[in-house]
N, C-alpha and C. Protein backbone atom coordinates (compact mmCIF):
# COMPACT_ATOMS: atom_id res chain seq x y z
N MET A 1 -169.53 25.84 -274.61
CA MET A 1 -168.14 26.80 -276.10
C MET A 1 -167.93 27.96 -274.76
N LYS A 2 -168.65 28.12 -273.64
CA LYS A 2 -168.61 30.11 -273.11
C LYS A 2 -167.39 28.98 -272.15
N ASN A 3 -167.32 28.03 -271.93
CA ASN A 3 -166.42 27.39 -270.76
C ASN A 3 -165.05 27.09 -271.16
N ILE A 4 -164.57 26.54 -272.44
CA ILE A 4 -164.01 26.85 -273.47
C ILE A 4 -163.33 28.31 -273.66
N ARG A 5 -163.99 29.69 -273.97
CA ARG A 5 -163.15 30.73 -274.40
C ARG A 5 -163.07 31.42 -272.84
N LYS A 6 -163.82 31.11 -271.42
CA LYS A 6 -163.53 31.36 -270.10
C LYS A 6 -162.32 31.15 -269.89
N ILE A 7 -161.54 29.85 -270.20
CA ILE A 7 -160.28 29.24 -270.36
C ILE A 7 -159.41 29.69 -271.18
N LEU A 8 -159.92 29.29 -271.94
CA LEU A 8 -158.84 30.10 -273.21
C LEU A 8 -157.89 31.76 -273.50
N ARG A 9 -159.16 32.91 -273.24
CA ARG A 9 -158.89 33.77 -272.89
C ARG A 9 -157.98 34.37 -271.95
N PRO A 10 -157.71 33.91 -270.68
CA PRO A 10 -156.59 34.33 -270.01
C PRO A 10 -155.40 33.20 -270.28
N ALA A 11 -155.41 31.93 -271.17
CA ALA A 11 -153.97 31.18 -271.27
C ALA A 11 -153.70 32.37 -272.72
N ALA A 12 -154.56 32.41 -273.54
CA ALA A 12 -153.94 33.42 -274.60
C ALA A 12 -153.09 34.94 -273.94
N ALA A 13 -154.28 35.46 -273.04
CA ALA A 13 -153.56 36.71 -272.99
C ALA A 13 -152.04 36.24 -272.23
N LEU A 14 -152.14 35.63 -271.10
CA LEU A 14 -150.59 34.79 -269.89
C LEU A 14 -149.75 35.34 -271.78
N LEU A 15 -149.99 34.03 -273.14
CA LEU A 15 -149.06 34.09 -274.11
C LEU A 15 -148.50 35.42 -274.82
N LEU A 16 -149.67 36.26 -275.13
CA LEU A 16 -149.41 36.84 -275.48
C LEU A 16 -148.03 37.97 -274.77
N SER A 17 -148.61 38.51 -273.58
CA SER A 17 -147.94 39.13 -272.42
C SER A 17 -146.06 38.59 -272.09
N LEU A 18 -146.44 37.41 -272.73
CA LEU A 18 -145.17 36.45 -272.10
C LEU A 18 -144.45 36.97 -273.31
N ALA A 19 -145.01 36.54 -274.97
CA ALA A 19 -143.94 37.17 -276.31
C ALA A 19 -143.81 38.72 -275.84
N ALA A 20 -144.69 39.92 -275.48
CA ALA A 20 -143.69 40.98 -275.46
C ALA A 20 -143.71 41.28 -274.86
N ALA A 21 -142.69 40.60 -273.98
CA ALA A 21 -142.00 40.56 -272.85
C ALA A 21 -140.55 40.53 -273.23
N GLY A 22 -140.80 39.15 -274.21
CA GLY A 22 -139.82 38.42 -274.79
C GLY A 22 -138.99 39.52 -275.75
N ALA A 23 -139.81 40.11 -276.15
CA ALA A 23 -139.35 41.07 -277.89
C ALA A 23 -139.04 42.33 -276.83
N MET A 24 -138.89 42.66 -275.76
CA MET A 24 -138.58 43.63 -275.55
C MET A 24 -137.09 43.12 -274.88
N ALA A 25 -136.73 42.50 -274.74
CA ALA A 25 -135.60 42.35 -273.65
C ALA A 25 -134.62 41.79 -275.55
N GLY A 26 -133.55 42.01 -275.30
CA GLY A 26 -132.20 41.93 -276.19
C GLY A 26 -131.40 41.18 -275.65
N SER A 27 -130.62 40.99 -276.64
CA SER A 27 -129.15 40.19 -275.93
C SER A 27 -127.93 40.47 -277.31
N GLN A 28 -126.97 40.99 -276.38
CA GLN A 28 -125.65 41.43 -277.54
C GLN A 28 -124.17 40.72 -276.73
N SER A 29 -123.09 40.35 -278.13
CA SER A 29 -122.08 39.55 -277.82
C SER A 29 -121.21 40.92 -277.78
N VAL A 30 -119.93 40.49 -277.06
CA VAL A 30 -119.47 41.59 -277.07
C VAL A 30 -117.82 40.59 -277.11
N SER A 31 -116.96 40.71 -278.22
CA SER A 31 -115.92 40.86 -278.12
C SER A 31 -114.53 41.20 -277.75
N VAL A 32 -113.56 40.41 -277.12
CA VAL A 32 -112.78 41.52 -276.18
C VAL A 32 -111.57 40.87 -276.80
N SER A 33 -110.75 41.22 -277.95
CA SER A 33 -109.06 41.15 -278.13
C SER A 33 -108.24 41.42 -276.85
N ILE A 34 -107.22 41.15 -276.38
CA ILE A 34 -105.87 42.09 -275.94
C ILE A 34 -104.84 41.23 -276.10
N ILE A 35 -104.20 42.38 -276.25
CA ILE A 35 -102.60 41.82 -277.21
C ILE A 35 -101.80 42.47 -276.53
N GLY A 36 -100.43 41.70 -276.04
CA GLY A 36 -99.45 42.81 -275.47
C GLY A 36 -97.97 42.02 -276.24
N PRO A 37 -96.98 41.76 -275.63
CA PRO A 37 -95.84 41.44 -275.87
C PRO A 37 -95.01 40.20 -276.23
N GLY A 38 -95.40 39.26 -275.37
CA GLY A 38 -95.83 38.89 -275.63
C GLY A 38 -93.71 37.88 -275.28
N GLY A 39 -93.47 36.58 -275.49
CA GLY A 39 -92.37 36.42 -275.29
C GLY A 39 -91.81 34.88 -274.99
N HIS A 40 -90.46 34.56 -274.83
CA HIS A 40 -90.38 33.52 -274.04
C HIS A 40 -89.98 33.84 -272.52
N SER A 41 -90.81 32.52 -271.89
CA SER A 41 -90.79 32.92 -269.99
C SER A 41 -89.37 33.29 -269.49
N ASN A 42 -88.51 32.83 -270.46
CA ASN A 42 -87.30 32.85 -270.21
C ASN A 42 -86.49 34.03 -270.01
N GLY A 43 -86.08 34.33 -271.42
CA GLY A 43 -85.63 35.28 -271.68
C GLY A 43 -86.60 36.59 -271.54
N ASP A 44 -87.38 36.57 -271.49
CA ASP A 44 -88.79 37.72 -271.50
C ASP A 44 -89.39 37.87 -270.29
N TYR A 45 -88.37 37.32 -269.24
CA TYR A 45 -89.28 37.44 -267.92
C TYR A 45 -89.44 38.70 -267.52
N GLY A 46 -91.09 39.14 -267.12
CA GLY A 46 -91.26 40.23 -266.64
C GLY A 46 -92.32 41.04 -267.69
N ASN A 47 -92.79 40.39 -268.84
CA ASN A 47 -93.25 41.69 -269.88
C ASN A 47 -94.73 41.23 -269.17
N VAL A 48 -95.58 42.33 -269.90
CA VAL A 48 -96.84 41.84 -269.50
C VAL A 48 -97.66 40.76 -270.39
N ASN A 49 -98.52 40.14 -269.44
CA ASN A 49 -99.13 38.61 -270.30
C ASN A 49 -100.84 38.91 -270.34
N ALA A 50 -100.82 39.01 -271.77
CA ALA A 50 -102.36 39.26 -272.08
C ALA A 50 -103.44 38.11 -271.91
N VAL A 51 -103.08 36.88 -270.78
CA VAL A 51 -104.06 36.32 -270.90
C VAL A 51 -104.05 36.65 -269.05
N HIS A 52 -103.16 37.65 -268.40
CA HIS A 52 -103.67 38.11 -267.31
C HIS A 52 -104.37 38.85 -267.14
N ALA A 53 -104.11 40.07 -268.25
CA ALA A 53 -104.67 40.62 -267.99
C ALA A 53 -106.70 40.70 -268.60
N ALA A 54 -106.18 39.63 -269.41
CA ALA A 54 -107.89 38.76 -269.39
C ALA A 54 -108.11 38.44 -267.82
N ALA A 55 -107.90 37.88 -267.04
CA ALA A 55 -107.98 37.47 -265.90
C ALA A 55 -108.91 38.80 -265.15
N ARG A 56 -107.67 39.29 -265.18
CA ARG A 56 -108.07 40.57 -264.03
C ARG A 56 -109.84 41.45 -264.80
N SER A 57 -109.91 41.89 -266.33
CA SER A 57 -111.00 41.99 -266.84
C SER A 57 -112.08 40.92 -266.83
N ILE A 58 -111.75 40.22 -266.96
CA ILE A 58 -113.27 39.09 -266.49
C ILE A 58 -113.44 39.17 -265.10
N MET A 59 -112.86 39.10 -264.48
CA MET A 59 -112.93 39.42 -262.28
C MET A 59 -113.58 40.49 -262.28
N LEU A 60 -113.42 41.71 -263.29
CA LEU A 60 -113.76 43.25 -262.88
C LEU A 60 -115.39 42.54 -263.28
N ILE A 61 -115.22 42.21 -265.07
CA ILE A 61 -116.77 41.98 -265.00
C ILE A 61 -117.86 41.40 -264.27
N GLU A 62 -117.08 40.31 -264.15
CA GLU A 62 -117.60 39.60 -263.03
C GLU A 62 -118.41 40.11 -261.99
N LYS A 63 -117.83 41.48 -261.56
CA LYS A 63 -118.57 42.01 -260.54
C LYS A 63 -118.84 43.03 -260.61
N SER A 64 -118.93 43.59 -261.60
CA SER A 64 -119.48 44.99 -262.37
C SER A 64 -120.95 44.67 -263.12
N VAL A 65 -120.89 43.73 -263.60
CA VAL A 65 -122.05 42.69 -264.52
C VAL A 65 -122.60 41.52 -263.92
N PRO A 66 -122.88 40.99 -262.96
CA PRO A 66 -123.03 39.87 -262.39
C PRO A 66 -123.46 39.02 -263.31
N ASP A 67 -124.51 39.38 -264.27
CA ASP A 67 -125.79 38.76 -264.70
C ASP A 67 -125.15 38.37 -266.21
N ALA A 68 -123.79 38.51 -266.69
CA ALA A 68 -123.06 38.80 -267.83
C ALA A 68 -122.44 37.41 -268.02
N VAL A 69 -122.33 36.94 -269.29
CA VAL A 69 -121.82 35.33 -269.62
C VAL A 69 -120.49 35.48 -270.34
N VAL A 70 -119.44 35.11 -269.96
CA VAL A 70 -118.09 34.89 -270.30
C VAL A 70 -118.11 33.68 -270.98
N THR A 71 -117.30 33.78 -272.03
CA THR A 71 -117.62 32.63 -272.59
C THR A 71 -116.19 32.26 -273.79
N ALA A 72 -116.11 31.69 -274.53
CA ALA A 72 -114.65 31.42 -275.24
C ALA A 72 -113.47 32.09 -275.26
N VAL A 73 -113.11 32.03 -274.00
CA VAL A 73 -111.64 32.46 -273.28
C VAL A 73 -110.65 31.29 -274.48
N THR A 74 -109.39 32.36 -275.05
CA THR A 74 -108.82 31.51 -275.84
C THR A 74 -107.48 32.33 -275.68
N GLY A 75 -105.90 32.23 -275.15
CA GLY A 75 -105.12 32.94 -275.01
C GLY A 75 -103.68 31.75 -274.95
N GLY A 76 -102.88 32.90 -275.36
CA GLY A 76 -101.39 31.77 -275.33
C GLY A 76 -101.93 30.90 -276.25
N ASN A 77 -100.22 30.59 -276.01
CA ASN A 77 -99.99 29.54 -277.20
C ASN A 77 -98.64 28.24 -277.00
N SER A 78 -98.30 28.23 -275.53
CA SER A 78 -96.98 26.93 -274.89
C SER A 78 -97.15 27.64 -274.23
N VAL A 79 -96.68 26.62 -272.95
CA VAL A 79 -96.63 26.59 -271.44
C VAL A 79 -95.66 27.57 -271.08
N ASN A 80 -94.53 27.40 -271.96
CA ASN A 80 -93.37 28.03 -271.13
C ASN A 80 -93.65 30.28 -272.19
N SER A 81 -94.41 29.89 -272.19
CA SER A 81 -93.92 31.65 -273.35
C SER A 81 -95.24 32.26 -272.07
N ILE A 82 -94.86 33.87 -272.80
CA ILE A 82 -95.73 34.67 -272.01
C ILE A 82 -96.71 35.16 -272.77
N ALA A 83 -98.08 35.20 -272.17
CA ALA A 83 -99.32 34.72 -273.62
C ALA A 83 -99.28 36.76 -274.42
N ALA A 84 -99.12 36.58 -275.59
CA ALA A 84 -98.98 37.47 -276.60
C ALA A 84 -100.75 38.23 -276.59
N TYR A 85 -101.55 36.83 -276.10
CA TYR A 85 -102.93 37.32 -277.32
C TYR A 85 -103.83 36.74 -276.05
N ALA A 86 -105.30 37.30 -276.10
CA ALA A 86 -105.81 36.89 -275.40
C ALA A 86 -107.21 37.00 -275.63
N ASN A 87 -108.23 36.39 -275.86
CA ASN A 87 -109.37 36.83 -276.14
C ASN A 87 -110.79 35.92 -275.30
N PHE A 88 -112.25 36.72 -275.59
CA PHE A 88 -112.99 36.70 -274.99
C PHE A 88 -114.23 37.20 -275.21
N ARG A 89 -115.33 36.32 -275.44
CA ARG A 89 -116.93 37.10 -275.47
C ARG A 89 -117.57 37.20 -274.32
N VAL A 90 -117.96 38.30 -273.96
CA VAL A 90 -118.98 38.22 -273.18
C VAL A 90 -120.67 38.67 -273.68
N LEU A 91 -121.92 37.42 -273.03
CA LEU A 91 -122.69 37.65 -273.41
C LEU A 91 -123.79 38.78 -272.40
N LEU A 92 -124.45 39.53 -272.73
CA LEU A 92 -125.34 40.42 -272.52
C LEU A 92 -126.65 40.54 -272.79
N GLU A 93 -127.71 40.88 -271.64
CA GLU A 93 -128.96 40.52 -271.98
C GLU A 93 -130.03 41.81 -271.39
N GLY A 94 -130.89 42.38 -271.98
CA GLY A 94 -131.56 42.98 -271.36
C GLY A 94 -132.24 44.34 -272.45
N ASP A 95 -132.81 45.53 -271.95
CA ASP A 95 -133.45 46.09 -272.89
C ASP A 95 -132.61 47.08 -273.50
N ASP A 96 -132.41 47.99 -274.30
CA ASP A 96 -131.11 48.56 -275.37
C ASP A 96 -130.62 49.49 -274.13
N ALA A 97 -131.12 50.19 -273.60
CA ALA A 97 -130.36 51.18 -272.36
C ALA A 97 -129.81 49.82 -271.13
N ALA A 98 -130.76 49.16 -271.23
CA ALA A 98 -129.86 47.94 -270.14
C ALA A 98 -128.30 47.62 -270.51
N LEU A 99 -128.11 46.55 -272.00
CA LEU A 99 -127.68 46.53 -273.28
C LEU A 99 -126.32 47.59 -272.88
N LYS A 100 -127.14 49.02 -272.97
CA LYS A 100 -125.52 49.62 -273.49
C LYS A 100 -125.07 50.01 -272.22
N ALA A 101 -125.67 50.03 -271.12
CA ALA A 101 -125.23 50.25 -269.63
C ALA A 101 -124.14 49.13 -269.25
N LYS A 102 -124.59 48.29 -269.28
CA LYS A 102 -123.80 46.71 -269.57
C LYS A 102 -122.38 46.70 -270.11
N ALA A 103 -122.24 47.27 -271.68
CA ALA A 103 -121.29 47.44 -272.63
C ALA A 103 -120.49 48.39 -271.67
N ASP A 104 -120.86 49.30 -271.80
CA ASP A 104 -120.10 50.48 -270.94
C ASP A 104 -119.12 49.88 -269.87
N LYS A 105 -119.96 48.91 -269.14
CA LYS A 105 -119.21 48.71 -267.92
C LYS A 105 -118.22 47.46 -267.99
N VAL A 106 -118.62 46.54 -269.26
CA VAL A 106 -117.90 45.62 -269.47
C VAL A 106 -116.16 46.47 -269.84
N LYS A 107 -116.80 47.26 -270.87
CA LYS A 107 -115.42 48.33 -271.35
C LYS A 107 -114.21 48.85 -270.39
N ALA A 108 -115.22 49.57 -269.69
CA ALA A 108 -114.79 50.26 -268.37
C ALA A 108 -113.30 49.01 -267.38
N ALA A 109 -114.51 47.77 -267.72
CA ALA A 109 -113.52 46.44 -266.50
C ALA A 109 -112.12 46.47 -267.70
N VAL A 110 -112.03 45.98 -269.19
CA VAL A 110 -111.35 45.49 -269.55
C VAL A 110 -110.27 46.65 -269.63
N GLU A 111 -110.75 47.47 -269.38
CA GLU A 111 -109.54 48.34 -269.71
C GLU A 111 -109.07 49.07 -268.29
N GLU A 112 -109.85 48.84 -267.32
CA GLU A 112 -109.14 48.50 -265.35
C GLU A 112 -107.95 47.41 -265.33
N GLY A 113 -108.81 46.59 -266.04
CA GLY A 113 -107.80 44.89 -265.90
C GLY A 113 -106.54 45.17 -266.56
N CYS A 114 -106.47 45.68 -268.16
CA CYS A 114 -105.72 45.81 -268.62
C CYS A 114 -104.50 46.59 -268.28
N LYS A 115 -105.00 47.72 -267.59
CA LYS A 115 -103.87 49.08 -266.66
C LYS A 115 -103.53 48.09 -265.78
N ALA A 116 -104.51 47.17 -264.86
CA ALA A 116 -103.75 46.68 -263.65
C ALA A 116 -102.31 45.24 -264.41
N GLU A 117 -102.60 45.62 -265.34
CA GLU A 117 -101.38 44.66 -265.71
C GLU A 117 -100.68 45.05 -266.14
N ASN A 118 -100.66 46.58 -266.75
CA ASN A 118 -99.50 47.09 -266.91
C ASN A 118 -98.17 47.69 -265.77
N ALA A 119 -99.53 48.24 -264.69
CA ALA A 119 -98.87 49.02 -263.72
C ALA A 119 -97.90 47.35 -262.41
N PHE A 120 -98.94 46.58 -262.73
CA PHE A 120 -97.98 45.27 -262.06
C PHE A 120 -97.20 44.88 -262.08
N ARG A 121 -96.69 45.27 -263.90
CA ARG A 121 -95.14 44.73 -264.28
C ARG A 121 -94.41 46.09 -265.11
N GLY A 122 -95.16 47.47 -264.16
CA GLY A 122 -94.48 48.55 -264.32
C GLY A 122 -93.95 49.28 -265.81
N VAL A 123 -95.20 48.80 -266.60
CA VAL A 123 -95.53 49.07 -267.91
C VAL A 123 -95.86 50.34 -267.95
N LYS A 124 -95.96 51.58 -268.88
CA LYS A 124 -97.11 52.82 -268.53
C LYS A 124 -97.58 52.67 -270.55
N THR A 125 -98.25 53.21 -270.30
CA THR A 125 -99.15 53.03 -272.18
C THR A 125 -98.32 53.17 -272.96
N GLY A 126 -98.38 52.70 -274.13
CA GLY A 126 -97.62 53.67 -275.06
C GLY A 126 -96.36 53.53 -275.43
N GLU A 127 -95.56 52.91 -273.81
CA GLU A 127 -94.24 52.26 -274.01
C GLU A 127 -93.58 51.61 -275.37
N VAL A 128 -92.49 51.57 -275.03
CA VAL A 128 -91.70 51.25 -276.17
C VAL A 128 -90.53 50.32 -275.41
N ARG A 129 -90.25 49.22 -276.01
CA ARG A 129 -89.52 48.27 -275.43
C ARG A 129 -88.62 47.60 -276.61
N ASP A 130 -86.96 47.79 -276.95
CA ASP A 130 -86.93 47.02 -278.18
C ASP A 130 -87.39 47.40 -279.53
N GLY A 131 -88.04 48.29 -279.56
CA GLY A 131 -88.19 48.88 -280.69
C GLY A 131 -89.89 48.22 -280.28
N LEU A 132 -90.41 47.61 -279.68
CA LEU A 132 -92.07 47.33 -279.30
C LEU A 132 -93.34 47.42 -278.21
N ALA A 133 -93.98 47.18 -278.86
CA ALA A 133 -94.90 47.97 -278.09
C ALA A 133 -94.84 47.38 -276.79
N ALA A 134 -94.80 47.83 -275.46
CA ALA A 134 -94.62 46.85 -274.52
C ALA A 134 -95.94 46.79 -273.38
N ASP A 135 -97.07 47.45 -274.06
CA ASP A 135 -97.96 47.81 -272.99
C ASP A 135 -99.15 46.39 -273.58
N ILE A 136 -99.90 46.33 -272.72
CA ILE A 136 -100.79 45.79 -273.01
C ILE A 136 -102.04 46.75 -273.67
N ARG A 137 -102.90 45.96 -274.63
CA ARG A 137 -103.94 46.82 -275.75
C ARG A 137 -105.20 46.03 -275.63
N TRP A 138 -106.04 46.82 -275.66
CA TRP A 138 -107.33 45.98 -276.28
C TRP A 138 -108.03 46.77 -276.94
N THR A 139 -109.39 45.86 -277.90
CA THR A 139 -110.12 46.30 -277.99
C THR A 139 -111.38 45.44 -278.02
N ILE A 140 -112.41 46.48 -278.24
CA ILE A 140 -113.64 45.57 -277.92
C ILE A 140 -114.83 45.94 -279.37
N LYS A 141 -115.14 44.96 -279.27
CA LYS A 141 -116.33 44.68 -280.76
C LYS A 141 -117.57 44.40 -280.21
């Protein structure tokens, strides 16, 4: 019986420490929505593109938060149009402080990616063309 206890005690301690370590780590899912004016690829050529802004953002996220998992990427609705929307999710893991820092980096990457798409097309934040917003806008939940 003593031999069994000697074997089981370390195993139980290991299981408890693994459970505690797992409890300390958390996860968070960040949903990103990007919208723009969209349009037809012929008549509206030169408009900002929400899918391009999402791609720029995702590349920046992968650089600033290498362990983030980008998933559920959607956007656009046809092959001959400029995408008016794009959505994706970013899965983050870590303790509370790490999650906050990573979420802040995701937000900064999305902001930078959207600004880059606007700049590429020569659109200023808040600009209006033909009565509609001409720039890429984004939200994070």
